[in-house]
Amino acid sequence: MQTRVLKKQILVSYDEDRLIKEKAAQVGMTISNYMRTRALDYQPKEKPPKEFYNAIKEIRKVGINLNQIAHKANTFNFIDVPYYKKQVDILNNLIIEIKKKYLFMDKK
């Protein structure tokens, strides 16, 4: 079910229109989403560079490898599984922190 049912129209100048479009593109949002977030006092962050996404992908690969090692270690009972699970948690928390820094919006 669609939660947004009210349509709002506003008048803007050509310069304002260009500026709004540019700012929405910088943060990778649609114009309506950008304007809603700004109206709710959120400051969207600029879309991170491609390197950011590549780094997240590599970190995830390491996390998957750690999970596989922990699973095999548990099966053969010769590695400290709680230690590896702790390392996976640390890795996942690092990913979350990177996302917060680069992706999530700050409320004013």
PDB file of N, CA and C in Angstrom:
ATOM      1  N   MET A   1       0.840  -1.182   0.000  1.00  0.00           N
ATOM      2  CA  MET A   1       0.000   0.000   0.000  1.00  0.00           C
ATOM      3  C   MET A   1       0.883   1.242   0.000  1.00  0.00           C
ATOM      4  N   GLN A   2       0.586   2.163  -0.862  1.00  0.00           N
ATOM      5  CA  GLN A   2       1.353   3.400  -0.958  1.00  0.00           C
ATOM      6  C   GLN A   2       1.016   4.310   0.218  1.00  0.00           C
ATOM      7  N   THR A   3       2.053   4.801   0.895  1.00  0.00           N
ATOM      8  CA  THR A   3       1.832   5.664   2.053  1.00  0.00           C
ATOM      9  C   THR A   3       1.733   7.132   1.667  1.00  0.00           C
ATOM     10  N   ARG A   4       2.279   7.482   0.542  1.00  0.00           N
ATOM     11  CA  ARG A   4       2.240   8.884   0.101  1.00  0.00           C
ATOM     12  C   ARG A   4       1.107   9.049  -0.902  1.00  0.00           C
ATOM     13  N   VAL A   5       0.056   9.719  -0.484  1.00  0.00           N
ATOM     14  CA  VAL A   5      -1.106   9.869  -1.344  1.00  0.00           C
ATOM     15  C   VAL A   5      -1.402  11.333  -1.695  1.00  0.00           C
ATOM     16  N   LEU A   6      -0.752  12.258  -1.009  1.00  0.00           N
ATOM     17  CA  LEU A   6      -0.992  13.675  -1.270  1.00  0.00           C
ATOM     18  C   LEU A   6       0.057  14.209  -2.239  1.00  0.00           C
ATOM     19  N   LYS A   7      -0.417  14.933  -3.235  1.00  0.00           N
ATOM     20  CA  LYS A   7       0.481  15.539  -4.221  1.00  0.00           C
ATOM     21  C   LYS A   7       0.622  17.020  -3.898  1.00  0.00           C
ATOM     22  N   LYS A   8       1.864  17.496  -3.846  1.00  0.00           N
ATOM     23  CA  LYS A   8       2.144  18.901  -3.576  1.00  0.00           C
ATOM     24  C   LYS A   8       2.852  19.492  -4.789  1.00  0.00           C
ATOM     25  N   GLN A   9       2.419  20.645  -5.200  1.00  0.00           N
ATOM     26  CA  GLN A   9       3.077  21.331  -6.300  1.00  0.00           C
ATOM     27  C   GLN A   9       3.613  22.661  -5.784  1.00  0.00           C
ATOM     28  N   ILE A  10       4.828  23.008  -6.201  1.00  0.00           N
ATOM     29  CA  ILE A  10       5.413  24.286  -5.803  1.00  0.00           C
ATOM     30  C   ILE A  10       5.944  24.986  -7.048  1.00  0.00           C
ATOM     31  N   LEU A  11       6.059  26.269  -6.957  1.00  0.00           N
ATOM     32  CA  LEU A  11       6.628  27.049  -8.048  1.00  0.00           C
ATOM     33  C   LEU A  11       8.070  27.386  -7.716  1.00  0.00           C
ATOM     34  N   VAL A  12       8.946  27.181  -8.666  1.00  0.00           N
ATOM     35  CA  VAL A  12      10.352  27.522  -8.500  1.00  0.00           C
ATOM     36  C   VAL A  12      10.834  28.245  -9.747  1.00  0.00           C
ATOM     37  N   SER A  13      11.901  29.004  -9.586  1.00  0.00           N
ATOM     38  CA  SER A  13      12.504  29.673 -10.736  1.00  0.00           C
ATOM     39  C   SER A  13      13.361  28.663 -11.502  1.00  0.00           C
ATOM     40  N   TYR A  14      13.826  29.045 -12.665  1.00  0.00           N
ATOM     41  CA  TYR A  14      14.703  28.166 -13.449  1.00  0.00           C
ATOM     42  C   TYR A  14      15.996  27.877 -12.686  1.00  0.00           C
ATOM     43  N   ASP A  15      16.527  28.917 -12.036  1.00  0.00           N
ATOM     44  CA  ASP A  15      17.760  28.725 -11.265  1.00  0.00           C
ATOM     45  C   ASP A  15      17.536  27.781 -10.087  1.00  0.00           C
ATOM     46  N   GLU A  16      16.407  27.955  -9.392  1.00  0.00           N
ATOM     47  CA  GLU A  16      16.101  27.064  -8.275  1.00  0.00           C
ATOM     48  C   GLU A  16      15.915  25.628  -8.756  1.00  0.00           C
ATOM     49  N   ASP A  17      15.246  25.480  -9.883  1.00  0.00           N
ATOM     50  CA  ASP A  17      15.026  24.145 -10.447  1.00  0.00           C
ATOM     51  C   ASP A  17      16.365  23.472 -10.765  1.00  0.00           C
ATOM     52  N   ARG A  18      17.252  24.210 -11.406  1.00  0.00           N
ATOM     53  CA  ARG A  18      18.574  23.673 -11.750  1.00  0.00           C
ATOM     54  C   ARG A  18      19.330  23.283 -10.488  1.00  0.00           C
ATOM     55  N   LEU A  19      19.292  24.151  -9.477  1.00  0.00           N
ATOM     56  CA  LEU A  19      20.010  23.896  -8.233  1.00  0.00           C
ATOM     57  C   LEU A  19      19.448  22.663  -7.506  1.00  0.00           C
ATOM     58  N   ILE A  20      18.136  22.548  -7.444  1.00  0.00           N
ATOM     59  CA  ILE A  20      17.510  21.392  -6.795  1.00  0.00           C
ATOM     60  C   ILE A  20      17.885  20.111  -7.525  1.00  0.00           C
ATOM     61  N   LYS A  21      17.826  20.137  -8.840  1.00  0.00           N
ATOM     62  CA  LYS A  21      18.193  18.950  -9.625  1.00  0.00           C
ATOM     63  C   LYS A  21      19.649  18.562  -9.400  1.00  0.00           C
ATOM     64  N   GLU A  22      20.540  19.550  -9.377  1.00  0.00           N
ATOM     65  CA  GLU A  22      21.962  19.282  -9.154  1.00  0.00           C
ATOM     66  C   GLU A  22      22.200  18.658  -7.784  1.00  0.00           C
ATOM     67  N   LYS A  23      21.576  19.237  -6.762  1.00  0.00           N
ATOM     68  CA  LYS A  23      21.774  18.732  -5.398  1.00  0.00           C
ATOM     69  C   LYS A  23      21.204  17.323  -5.232  1.00  0.00           C
ATOM     70  N   ALA A  24      20.063  17.060  -5.832  1.00  0.00           N
ATOM     71  CA  ALA A  24      19.475  15.719  -5.763  1.00  0.00           C
ATOM     72  C   ALA A  24      20.382  14.706  -6.463  1.00  0.00           C
ATOM     73  N   ALA A  25      20.945  15.101  -7.594  1.00  0.00           N
ATOM     74  CA  ALA A  25      21.848  14.203  -8.332  1.00  0.00           C
ATOM     75  C   ALA A  25      23.125  13.937  -7.538  1.00  0.00           C
ATOM     76  N   GLN A  26      23.640  14.946  -6.845  1.00  0.00           N
ATOM     77  CA  GLN A  26      24.862  14.786  -6.059  1.00  0.00           C
ATOM     78  C   GLN A  26      24.715  13.736  -4.974  1.00  0.00           C
ATOM     79  N   VAL A  27      23.527  13.622  -4.419  1.00  0.00           N
ATOM     80  CA  VAL A  27      23.306  12.657  -3.339  1.00  0.00           C
ATOM     81  C   VAL A  27      22.618  11.388  -3.841  1.00  0.00           C
ATOM     82  N   GLY A  28      22.377  11.307  -5.149  1.00  0.00           N
ATOM     83  CA  GLY A  28      21.799  10.102  -5.738  1.00  0.00           C
ATOM     84  C   GLY A  28      20.341   9.877  -5.373  1.00  0.00           C
ATOM     85  N   MET A  29      19.566  10.958  -5.278  1.00  0.00           N
ATOM     86  CA  MET A  29      18.143  10.850  -4.921  1.00  0.00           C
ATOM     87  C   MET A  29      17.285  11.431  -6.029  1.00  0.00           C
ATOM     88  N   THR A  30      16.017  11.020  -6.006  1.00  0.00           N
ATOM     89  CA  THR A  30      15.063  11.692  -6.873  1.00  0.00           C
ATOM     90  C   THR A  30      14.793  13.077  -6.287  1.00  0.00           C
ATOM     91  N   ILE A  31      14.253  13.946  -7.107  1.00  0.00           N
ATOM     92  CA  ILE A  31      13.974  15.302  -6.634  1.00  0.00           C
ATOM     93  C   ILE A  31      12.958  15.262  -5.493  1.00  0.00           C
ATOM     94  N   SER A  32      11.911  14.473  -5.625  1.00  0.00           N
ATOM     95  CA  SER A  32      10.889  14.438  -4.576  1.00  0.00           C
ATOM     96  C   SER A  32      11.456  13.862  -3.273  1.00  0.00           C
ATOM     97  N   ASN A  33      12.266  12.832  -3.363  1.00  0.00           N
ATOM     98  CA  ASN A  33      12.867  12.256  -2.164  1.00  0.00           C
ATOM     99  C   ASN A  33      13.827  13.267  -1.519  1.00  0.00           C
ATOM    100  N   TYR A  34      14.606  13.948  -2.337  1.00  0.00           N
ATOM    101  CA  TYR A  34      15.536  14.958  -1.821  1.00  0.00           C
ATOM    102  C   TYR A  34      14.768  16.053  -1.075  1.00  0.00           C
ATOM    103  N   MET A  35      13.710  16.550  -1.675  1.00  0.00           N
ATOM    104  CA  MET A  35      12.955  17.642  -1.053  1.00  0.00           C
ATOM    105  C   MET A  35      12.256  17.177   0.223  1.00  0.00           C
ATOM    106  N   ARG A  36      11.764  15.934   0.246  1.00  0.00           N
ATOM    107  CA  ARG A  36      11.150  15.404   1.472  1.00  0.00           C
ATOM    108  C   ARG A  36      12.167  15.316   2.596  1.00  0.00           C
ATOM    109  N   THR A  37      13.345  14.778   2.298  1.00  0.00           N
ATOM    110  CA  THR A  37      14.356  14.637   3.356  1.00  0.00           C
ATOM    111  C   THR A  37      14.813  15.997   3.864  1.00  0.00           C
ATOM    112  N   ARG A  38      14.957  16.949   2.979  1.00  0.00           N
ATOM    113  CA  ARG A  38      15.351  18.298   3.414  1.00  0.00           C
ATOM    114  C   ARG A  38      14.249  18.934   4.254  1.00  0.00           C
ATOM    115  N   ALA A  39      12.992  18.709   3.885  1.00  0.00           N
ATOM    116  CA  ALA A  39      11.874  19.275   4.652  1.00  0.00           C
ATOM    117  C   ALA A  39      11.815  18.673   6.050  1.00  0.00           C
ATOM    118  N   LEU A  40      12.295  17.449   6.206  1.00  0.00           N
ATOM    119  CA  LEU A  40      12.292  16.786   7.509  1.00  0.00           C
ATOM    120  C   LEU A  40      13.599  17.019   8.268  1.00  0.00           C
ATOM    121  N   ASP A  41      14.369  18.019   7.840  1.00  0.00           N
ATOM    122  CA  ASP A  41      15.618  18.442   8.488  1.00  0.00           C
ATOM    123  C   ASP A  41      16.748  17.406   8.422  1.00  0.00           C
ATOM    124  N   TYR A  42      16.744  16.565   7.401  1.00  0.00           N
ATOM    125  CA  TYR A  42      17.872  15.667   7.178  1.00  0.00           C
ATOM    126  C   TYR A  42      18.804  16.301   6.166  1.00  0.00           C
ATOM    127  N   GLN A  43      20.096  16.086   6.374  1.00  0.00           N
ATOM    128  CA  GLN A  43      21.099  16.576   5.436  1.00  0.00           C
ATOM    129  C   GLN A  43      21.670  15.367   4.703  1.00  0.00           C
ATOM    130  N   PRO A  44      21.218  15.120   3.466  1.00  0.00           N
ATOM    131  CA  PRO A  44      21.749  13.968   2.735  1.00  0.00           C
ATOM    132  C   PRO A  44      23.240  14.139   2.462  1.00  0.00           C
ATOM    133  N   LYS A  45      23.955  13.033   2.469  1.00  0.00           N
ATOM    134  CA  LYS A  45      25.382  13.069   2.162  1.00  0.00           C
ATOM    135  C   LYS A  45      25.580  12.804   0.678  1.00  0.00           C
ATOM    136  N   GLU A  46      26.654  13.376   0.156  1.00  0.00           N
ATOM    137  CA  GLU A  46      26.948  13.140  -1.253  1.00  0.00           C
ATOM    138  C   GLU A  46      27.163  11.670  -1.502  1.00  0.00           C
ATOM    139  N   LYS A  47      26.794  11.256  -2.689  1.00  0.00           N
ATOM    140  CA  LYS A  47      26.983   9.866  -3.069  1.00  0.00           C
ATOM    141  C   LYS A  47      28.482   9.565  -3.021  1.00  0.00           C
ATOM    142  N   PRO A  48      28.877   8.481  -2.342  1.00  0.00           N
ATOM    143  CA  PRO A  48      30.302   8.179  -2.215  1.00  0.00           C
ATOM    144  C   PRO A  48      30.921   7.785  -3.552  1.00  0.00           C
ATOM    145  N   PRO A  49      32.230   7.907  -3.637  1.00  0.00           N
ATOM    146  CA  PRO A  49      32.905   7.526  -4.884  1.00  0.00           C
ATOM    147  C   PRO A  49      32.835   6.017  -5.103  1.00  0.00           C
ATOM    148  N   LYS A  50      33.094   5.600  -6.325  1.00  0.00           N
ATOM    149  CA  LYS A  50      33.046   4.181  -6.691  1.00  0.00           C
ATOM    150  C   LYS A  50      33.990   3.344  -5.824  1.00  0.00           C
ATOM    151  N   GLU A  51      35.104   3.926  -5.402  1.00  0.00           N
ATOM    152  CA  GLU A  51      36.073   3.216  -4.565  1.00  0.00           C
ATOM    153  C   GLU A  51      35.443   2.749  -3.259  1.00  0.00           C
ATOM    154  N   PHE A  52      34.515   3.555  -2.732  1.00  0.00           N
ATOM    155  CA  PHE A  52      33.824   3.185  -1.497  1.00  0.00           C
ATOM    156  C   PHE A  52      33.095   1.856  -1.681  1.00  0.00           C
ATOM    157  N   TYR A  53      32.356   1.738  -2.769  1.00  0.00           N
ATOM    158  CA  TYR A  53      31.588   0.521  -3.023  1.00  0.00           C
ATOM    159  C   TYR A  53      32.508  -0.669  -3.273  1.00  0.00           C
ATOM    160  N   ASN A  54      33.624  -0.427  -3.939  1.00  0.00           N
ATOM    161  CA  ASN A  54      34.595  -1.506  -4.142  1.00  0.00           C
ATOM    162  C   ASN A  54      35.183  -1.980  -2.811  1.00  0.00           C
ATOM    163  N   ALA A  55      35.456  -1.031  -1.913  1.00  0.00           N
ATOM    164  CA  ALA A  55      36.006  -1.388  -0.600  1.00  0.00           C
ATOM    165  C   ALA A  55      34.999  -2.206   0.205  1.00  0.00           C
ATOM    166  N   ILE A  56      33.745  -1.807   0.180  1.00  0.00           N
ATOM    167  CA  ILE A  56      32.697  -2.550   0.891  1.00  0.00           C
ATOM    168  C   ILE A  56      32.596  -3.963   0.323  1.00  0.00           C
ATOM    169  N   LYS A  57      32.674  -4.092  -0.979  1.00  0.00           N
ATOM    170  CA  LYS A  57      32.592  -5.411  -1.623  1.00  0.00           C
ATOM    171  C   LYS A  57      33.737  -6.310  -1.168  1.00  0.00           C
ATOM    172  N   GLU A  58      34.937  -5.753  -1.103  1.00  0.00           N
ATOM    173  CA  GLU A  58      36.098  -6.532  -0.666  1.00  0.00           C
ATOM    174  C   GLU A  58      35.986  -6.924   0.807  1.00  0.00           C
ATOM    175  N   ILE A  59      35.508  -6.009   1.621  1.00  0.00           N
ATOM    176  CA  ILE A  59      35.337  -6.308   3.046  1.00  0.00           C
ATOM    177  C   ILE A  59      34.326  -7.439   3.217  1.00  0.00           C
ATOM    178  N   ARG A  60      33.265  -7.397   2.447  1.00  0.00           N
ATOM    179  CA  ARG A  60      32.261  -8.462   2.520  1.00  0.00           C
ATOM    180  C   ARG A  60      32.852  -9.817   2.115  1.00  0.00           C
ATOM    181  N   LYS A  61      33.710  -9.811   1.108  1.00  0.00           N
ATOM    182  CA  LYS A  61      34.361 -11.060   0.695  1.00  0.00           C
ATOM    183  C   LYS A  61      35.190 -11.640   1.839  1.00  0.00           C
ATOM    184  N   VAL A  62      35.905 -10.772   2.538  1.00  0.00           N
ATOM    185  CA  VAL A  62      36.702 -11.219   3.686  1.00  0.00           C
ATOM    186  C   VAL A  62      35.783 -11.791   4.756  1.00  0.00           C
ATOM    187  N   GLY A  63      34.679 -11.131   5.002  1.00  0.00           N
ATOM    188  CA  GLY A  63      33.723 -11.614   5.991  1.00  0.00           C
ATOM    189  C   GLY A  63      33.168 -12.982   5.628  1.00  0.00           C
ATOM    190  N   ILE A  64      32.870 -13.179   4.368  1.00  0.00           N
ATOM    191  CA  ILE A  64      32.369 -14.482   3.913  1.00  0.00           C
ATOM    192  C   ILE A  64      33.431 -15.550   4.118  1.00  0.00           C
ATOM    193  N   ASN A  65      34.678 -15.212   3.778  1.00  0.00           N
ATOM    194  CA  ASN A  65      35.772 -16.168   3.983  1.00  0.00           C
ATOM    195  C   ASN A  65      35.927 -16.528   5.457  1.00  0.00           C
ATOM    196  N   LEU A  66      35.846 -15.530   6.322  1.00  0.00           N
ATOM    197  CA  LEU A  66      35.946 -15.790   7.761  1.00  0.00           C
ATOM    198  C   LEU A  66      34.813 -16.703   8.226  1.00  0.00           C
ATOM    199  N   ASN A  67      33.625 -16.469   7.713  1.00  0.00           N
ATOM    200  CA  ASN A  67      32.502 -17.324   8.069  1.00  0.00           C
ATOM    201  C   ASN A  67      32.721 -18.764   7.615  1.00  0.00           C
ATOM    202  N   GLN A  68      33.254 -18.931   6.413  1.00  0.00           N
ATOM    203  CA  GLN A  68      33.525 -20.273   5.907  1.00  0.00           C
ATOM    204  C   GLN A  68      34.597 -20.971   6.740  1.00  0.00           C
ATOM    205  N   ILE A  69      35.615 -20.225   7.128  1.00  0.00           N
ATOM    206  CA  ILE A  69      36.677 -20.795   7.962  1.00  0.00           C
ATOM    207  C   ILE A  69      36.105 -21.207   9.317  1.00  0.00           C
ATOM    208  N   ALA A  70      35.297 -20.357   9.885  1.00  0.00           N
ATOM    209  CA  ALA A  70      34.706 -20.668  11.186  1.00  0.00           C
ATOM    210  C   ALA A  70      33.828 -21.917  11.093  1.00  0.00           C
ATOM    211  N   HIS A  71      33.080 -22.037  10.010  1.00  0.00           N
ATOM    212  CA  HIS A  71      32.210 -23.201   9.841  1.00  0.00           C
ATOM    213  C   HIS A  71      33.037 -24.492   9.742  1.00  0.00           C
ATOM    214  N   LYS A  72      34.087 -24.464   8.925  1.00  0.00           N
ATOM    215  CA  LYS A  72      34.948 -25.646   8.791  1.00  0.00           C
ATOM    216  C   LYS A  72      35.675 -25.944  10.092  1.00  0.00           C
ATOM    217  N   ALA A  73      36.124 -24.896  10.749  1.00  0.00           N
ATOM    218  CA  ALA A  73      36.834 -25.080  12.018  1.00  0.00           C
ATOM    219  C   ALA A  73      35.920 -25.719  13.051  1.00  0.00           C
ATOM    220  N   ASN A  74      34.681 -25.301  13.068  1.00  0.00           N
ATOM    221  CA  ASN A  74      33.721 -25.873  13.995  1.00  0.00           C
ATOM    222  C   ASN A  74      33.466 -27.347  13.654  1.00  0.00           C
ATOM    223  N   THR A  75      33.392 -27.645  12.375  1.00  0.00           N
ATOM    224  CA  THR A  75      33.152 -29.016  11.931  1.00  0.00           C
ATOM    225  C   THR A  75      34.290 -29.943  12.352  1.00  0.00           C
ATOM    226  N   PHE A  76      35.523 -29.476  12.158  1.00  0.00           N
ATOM    227  CA  PHE A  76      36.686 -30.326  12.475  1.00  0.00           C
ATOM    228  C   PHE A  76      37.219 -30.100  13.887  1.00  0.00           C
ATOM    229  N   ASN A  77      36.635 -29.137  14.589  1.00  0.00           N
ATOM    230  CA  ASN A  77      36.952 -28.887  15.990  1.00  0.00           C
ATOM    231  C   ASN A  77      38.435 -28.632  16.256  1.00  0.00           C
ATOM    232  N   PHE A  78      39.030 -27.749  15.482  1.00  0.00           N
ATOM    233  CA  PHE A  78      40.436 -27.436  15.752  1.00  0.00           C
ATOM    234  C   PHE A  78      40.783 -25.952  15.711  1.00  0.00           C
ATOM    235  N   ILE A  79      39.782 -25.061  15.668  1.00  0.00           N
ATOM    236  CA  ILE A  79      40.026 -23.617  15.739  1.00  0.00           C
ATOM    237  C   ILE A  79      39.011 -23.021  16.708  1.00  0.00           C
ATOM    238  N   ASP A  80      39.407 -21.959  17.361  1.00  0.00           N
ATOM    239  CA  ASP A  80      38.551 -21.261  18.325  1.00  0.00           C
ATOM    240  C   ASP A  80      37.418 -20.546  17.583  1.00  0.00           C
ATOM    241  N   VAL A  81      36.292 -21.203  17.474  1.00  0.00           N
ATOM    242  CA  VAL A  81      35.163 -20.661  16.721  1.00  0.00           C
ATOM    243  C   VAL A  81      34.638 -19.354  17.319  1.00  0.00           C
ATOM    244  N   PRO A  82      34.498 -19.244  18.644  1.00  0.00           N
ATOM    245  CA  PRO A  82      34.028 -17.958  19.184  1.00  0.00           C
ATOM    246  C   PRO A  82      34.932 -16.785  18.783  1.00  0.00           C
ATOM    247  N   TYR A  83      36.230 -17.037  18.693  1.00  0.00           N
ATOM    248  CA  TYR A  83      37.154 -15.978  18.269  1.00  0.00           C
ATOM    249  C   TYR A  83      36.846 -15.548  16.834  1.00  0.00           C
ATOM    250  N   TYR A  84      36.634 -16.509  15.955  1.00  0.00           N
ATOM    251  CA  TYR A  84      36.341 -16.158  14.563  1.00  0.00           C
ATOM    252  C   TYR A  84      34.996 -15.470  14.426  1.00  0.00           C
ATOM    253  N   LYS A  85      34.013 -15.924  15.191  1.00  0.00           N
ATOM    254  CA  LYS A  85      32.715 -15.253  15.139  1.00  0.00           C
ATOM    255  C   LYS A  85      32.836 -13.814  15.634  1.00  0.00           C
ATOM    256  N   LYS A  86      33.665 -13.608  16.638  1.00  0.00           N
ATOM    257  CA  LYS A  86      33.909 -12.258  17.145  1.00  0.00           C
ATOM    258  C   LYS A  86      34.545 -11.397  16.049  1.00  0.00           C
ATOM    259  N   GLN A  87      35.480 -11.975  15.297  1.00  0.00           N
ATOM    260  CA  GLN A  87      36.132 -11.241  14.216  1.00  0.00           C
ATOM    261  C   GLN A  87      35.136 -10.884  13.116  1.00  0.00           C
ATOM    262  N   VAL A  88      34.222 -11.798  12.828  1.00  0.00           N
ATOM    263  CA  VAL A  88      33.187 -11.517  11.836  1.00  0.00           C
ATOM    264  C   VAL A  88      32.304 -10.368  12.325  1.00  0.00           C
ATOM    265  N   ASP A  89      31.960 -10.378  13.605  1.00  0.00           N
ATOM    266  CA  ASP A  89      31.162  -9.286  14.160  1.00  0.00           C
ATOM    267  C   ASP A  89      31.890  -7.950  14.054  1.00  0.00           C
ATOM    268  N   ILE A  90      33.178  -7.971  14.337  1.00  0.00           N
ATOM    269  CA  ILE A  90      33.985  -6.749  14.215  1.00  0.00           C
ATOM    270  C   ILE A  90      33.968  -6.250  12.773  1.00  0.00           C
ATOM    271  N   LEU A  91      34.123  -7.162  11.844  1.00  0.00           N
ATOM    272  CA  LEU A  91      34.115  -6.809  10.427  1.00  0.00           C
ATOM    273  C   LEU A  91      32.763  -6.224  10.026  1.00  0.00           C
ATOM    274  N   ASN A  92      31.687  -6.849  10.466  1.00  0.00           N
ATOM    275  CA  ASN A  92      30.355  -6.334  10.149  1.00  0.00           C
ATOM    276  C   ASN A  92      30.129  -4.953  10.757  1.00  0.00           C
ATOM    277  N   ASN A  93      30.610  -4.744  11.977  1.00  0.00           N
ATOM    278  CA  ASN A  93      30.479  -3.423  12.598  1.00  0.00           C
ATOM    279  C   ASN A  93      31.273  -2.370  11.836  1.00  0.00           C
ATOM    280  N   LEU A  94      32.423  -2.759  11.311  1.00  0.00           N
ATOM    281  CA  LEU A  94      33.226  -1.845  10.498  1.00  0.00           C
ATOM    282  C   LEU A  94      32.456  -1.436   9.249  1.00  0.00           C
ATOM    283  N   ILE A  95      31.813  -2.384   8.627  1.00  0.00           N
ATOM    284  CA  ILE A  95      31.010  -2.088   7.436  1.00  0.00           C
ATOM    285  C   ILE A  95      29.894  -1.104   7.789  1.00  0.00           C
ATOM    286  N   ILE A  96      29.239  -1.339   8.914  1.00  0.00           N
ATOM    287  CA  ILE A  96      28.158  -0.439   9.338  1.00  0.00           C
ATOM    288  C   ILE A  96      28.690   0.971   9.581  1.00  0.00           C
ATOM    289  N   GLU A  97      29.843   1.074  10.232  1.00  0.00           N
ATOM    290  CA  GLU A  97      30.431   2.393  10.488  1.00  0.00           C
ATOM    291  C   GLU A  97      30.789   3.113   9.192  1.00  0.00           C
ATOM    292  N   ILE A  98      31.327   2.381   8.226  1.00  0.00           N
ATOM    293  CA  ILE A  98      31.655   2.985   6.924  1.00  0.00           C
ATOM    294  C   ILE A  98      30.382   3.479   6.255  1.00  0.00           C
ATOM    295  N   LYS A  99      29.331   2.685   6.297  1.00  0.00           N
ATOM    296  CA  LYS A  99      28.069   3.099   5.699  1.00  0.00           C
ATOM    297  C   LYS A  99      27.522   4.340   6.389  1.00  0.00           C
ATOM    298  N   LYS A 100      27.601   4.386   7.722  1.00  0.00           N
ATOM    299  CA  LYS A 100      27.120   5.563   8.448  1.00  0.00           C
ATOM    300  C   LYS A 100      27.883   6.807   8.016  1.00  0.00           C
ATOM    301  N   LYS A 101      29.189   6.652   7.860  1.00  0.00           N
ATOM    302  CA  LYS A 101      30.020   7.800   7.508  1.00  0.00           C
ATOM    303  C   LYS A 101      29.727   8.300   6.090  1.00  0.00           C
ATOM    304  N   TYR A 102      29.533   7.384   5.158  1.00  0.00           N
ATOM    305  CA  TYR A 102      29.403   7.770   3.756  1.00  0.00           C
ATOM    306  C   TYR A 102      27.974   7.809   3.230  1.00  0.00           C
ATOM    307  N   LEU A 103      27.073   7.057   3.823  1.00  0.00           N
ATOM    308  CA  LEU A 103      25.763   6.907   3.207  1.00  0.00           C
ATOM    309  C   LEU A 103      24.601   7.488   3.987  1.00  0.00           C
ATOM    310  N   PHE A 104      24.543   7.257   5.285  1.00  0.00           N
ATOM    311  CA  PHE A 104      23.372   7.628   6.051  1.00  0.00           C
ATOM    312  C   PHE A 104      23.308   9.128   6.256  1.00  0.00           C
ATOM    313  N   MET A 105      22.084   9.658   6.259  1.00  0.00           N
ATOM    314  CA  MET A 105      21.885  11.091   6.427  1.00  0.00           C
ATOM    315  C   MET A 105      21.981  11.491   7.883  1.00  0.00           C
ATOM    316  N   ASP A 106      22.431  12.715   8.109  1.00  0.00           N
ATOM    317  CA  ASP A 106      22.473  13.286   9.447  1.00  0.00           C
ATOM    318  C   ASP A 106      21.254  14.171   9.637  1.00  0.00           C
ATOM    319  N   LYS A 107      20.659  14.096  10.792  1.00  0.00           N
ATOM    320  CA  LYS A 107      19.543  14.969  11.116  1.00  0.00           C
ATOM    321  C   LYS A 107      20.114  16.253  11.689  1.00  0.00           C
ATOM    322  N   LYS A 108      19.602  17.378  11.217  1.00  0.00           N
ATOM    323  CA  LYS A 108      20.091  18.690  11.698  1.00  0.00           C
ATOM    324  C   LYS A 108      19.737  18.904  13.131  1.00  0.00           C
TER     325      LYS A 108
END
